[in-house]
Amino acid sequence: MDERAGTLGEVRVVGAERPDGLELRTRGLASRGLPELRVRGLAPYLGQGWARILAALAGRVAASGGPPSGDVELAPDVAFSLAPGEGHLVPGPPDGFTGRVDEWRREVVFRLFPSARS
């Protein structure tokens, strides 16, 4: 029996602290021929929320069989673009966003997980 058979559908979110902040990325989409997701420069206190966001976005990428066209909405008024990076997709603000990315990153965590404010 192939050891990978039991984990073929598994996608993990892994992270590391870098000088410019936290880096989170998925592992497991590439085994299906799909691009992995990666976000860099996160404030460390946003790590848990963004790990959950990456997992949800990875589910959308896997379900659609590739990067969805247009913005991906995870909740009403909470949408993400998935821009191509160097061999991965970078979740970012939706098309037309004009504010600061670091503020948007914090705000989406608070919108999706209101208990994160406390």
Protein backbone atom coordinates (compact mmCIF):
# COMPACT_ATOMS: atom_id res chain seq x y z
CA MET A 1 0.00 0.00 0.00
CA ASP A 2 1.27 3.47 -0.87
CA GLU A 3 1.96 5.52 2.30
CA ARG A 4 0.93 8.71 0.53
CA ALA A 5 -2.57 7.40 -0.23
CA GLY A 6 -3.81 8.33 3.25
CA THR A 7 -2.44 11.88 3.06
CA LEU A 8 -3.09 12.74 -0.58
CA GLY A 9 -5.96 15.06 0.36
CA GLU A 10 -4.14 16.70 3.27
CA VAL A 11 -3.07 20.32 3.12
CA ARG A 12 -1.05 21.78 5.97
CA VAL A 13 -0.26 25.35 6.90
CA VAL A 14 3.29 25.83 8.14
CA GLY A 15 4.98 28.96 9.38
CA ALA A 16 8.27 30.53 10.31
CA GLU A 17 9.35 33.79 11.89
CA ARG A 18 11.42 35.94 9.56
CA PRO A 19 13.11 39.31 10.15
CA ASP A 20 10.22 41.06 8.36
CA GLY A 21 7.47 39.14 10.22
CA LEU A 22 5.72 35.81 10.10
CA GLU A 23 5.63 33.74 6.92
CA LEU A 24 2.86 31.18 6.45
CA ARG A 25 2.48 28.78 3.55
CA THR A 26 0.54 25.72 2.57
CA ARG A 27 1.92 22.27 1.85
CA GLY A 28 -0.06 19.67 -0.02
CA LEU A 29 -1.65 21.49 -2.94
CA ALA A 30 1.39 20.89 -5.15
CA SER A 31 0.88 17.12 -4.85
CA ARG A 32 -2.34 17.71 -6.80
CA GLY A 33 -0.63 19.89 -9.37
CA LEU A 34 -1.95 23.09 -7.77
CA PRO A 35 -0.05 26.16 -6.62
CA GLU A 36 0.69 26.53 -2.91
CA LEU A 37 -0.35 29.68 -1.01
CA ARG A 38 2.10 31.94 0.82
CA VAL A 39 1.83 35.13 2.84
CA ARG A 40 4.82 37.04 4.24
CA GLY A 41 5.41 39.89 6.63
CA LEU A 42 2.51 39.17 8.98
CA ALA A 43 2.46 40.56 12.48
CA PRO A 44 2.97 37.51 14.74
CA TYR A 45 -0.31 38.06 16.61
CA LEU A 46 -2.17 37.46 13.32
CA GLY A 47 -0.63 34.01 12.81
CA GLN A 48 -3.50 31.83 14.02
CA GLY A 49 -6.13 33.80 12.15
CA TRP A 50 -4.13 33.81 8.93
CA ALA A 51 -3.39 30.08 9.24
CA ARG A 52 -7.16 29.52 9.23
CA ILE A 53 -7.56 31.91 6.29
CA LEU A 54 -4.90 30.07 4.27
CA ALA A 55 -6.59 26.75 5.04
CA ALA A 56 -9.95 28.08 3.82
CA LEU A 57 -8.40 29.57 0.68
CA ALA A 58 -6.54 26.30 0.03
CA GLY A 59 -9.88 24.51 0.20
CA ARG A 60 -11.27 26.86 -2.44
CA VAL A 61 -8.24 26.37 -4.71
CA ALA A 62 -8.49 22.58 -4.34
CA ALA A 63 -12.25 22.55 -4.95
CA SER A 64 -11.95 24.64 -8.10
CA GLY A 65 -8.99 22.64 -9.41
CA GLY A 66 -6.82 25.75 -9.66
CA PRO A 67 -6.75 29.41 -8.83
CA PRO A 68 -10.29 30.78 -8.92
CA SER A 69 -10.85 33.62 -11.34
CA GLY A 70 -11.50 36.92 -9.64
CA ASP A 71 -11.70 37.56 -5.93
CA VAL A 72 -12.46 34.77 -3.45
CA GLU A 73 -15.10 35.67 -0.85
CA LEU A 74 -14.83 33.80 2.46
CA ALA A 75 -17.63 35.77 4.15
CA PRO A 76 -19.86 38.69 3.22
CA ASP A 77 -17.63 41.71 2.60
CA VAL A 78 -14.43 39.68 3.16
CA ALA A 79 -12.76 38.93 -0.16
CA PHE A 80 -9.23 38.03 -1.22
CA SER A 81 -7.30 38.23 -4.46
CA LEU A 82 -4.87 35.41 -5.24
CA ALA A 83 -1.96 36.95 -7.12
CA PRO A 84 0.71 34.79 -8.73
CA GLY A 85 4.04 34.82 -6.87
CA GLU A 86 7.23 32.92 -7.58
CA GLY A 87 5.74 29.44 -7.83
CA HIS A 88 2.88 30.14 -5.42
CA LEU A 89 -0.22 32.29 -4.92
CA VAL A 90 -0.20 35.33 -2.64
CA PRO A 91 -3.48 36.17 -0.88
CA GLY A 92 -4.05 39.89 -0.80
CA PRO A 93 -6.73 42.55 -0.71
CA PRO A 94 -9.52 42.36 -3.26
CA ASP A 95 -9.29 44.22 -6.54
CA GLY A 96 -9.87 47.92 -6.05
CA PHE A 97 -8.53 48.05 -2.47
CA THR A 98 -6.69 51.32 -1.80
CA GLY A 99 -5.67 51.17 1.88
CA ARG A 100 -2.64 49.77 3.71
CA VAL A 101 -2.14 46.03 3.34
CA ASP A 102 -1.06 45.52 6.96
CA GLU A 103 -4.25 47.17 8.21
CA TRP A 104 -6.35 45.08 5.80
CA ARG A 105 -4.66 41.89 7.05
CA ARG A 106 -5.60 42.76 10.64
CA GLU A 107 -9.13 43.79 9.72
CA VAL A 108 -9.96 40.56 7.85
CA VAL A 109 -8.90 38.51 10.86
CA PHE A 110 -11.19 40.58 13.10
CA ARG A 111 -14.09 40.33 10.64
CA LEU A 112 -13.76 36.57 10.21
CA PHE A 113 -12.91 35.82 13.86
CA PRO A 114 -14.47 38.53 16.08
CA SER A 115 -13.18 36.86 19.24
CA ALA A 116 -9.63 37.71 18.07
CA ARG A 117 -10.24 41.30 19.23
CA SER A 118 -10.18 40.27 22.89
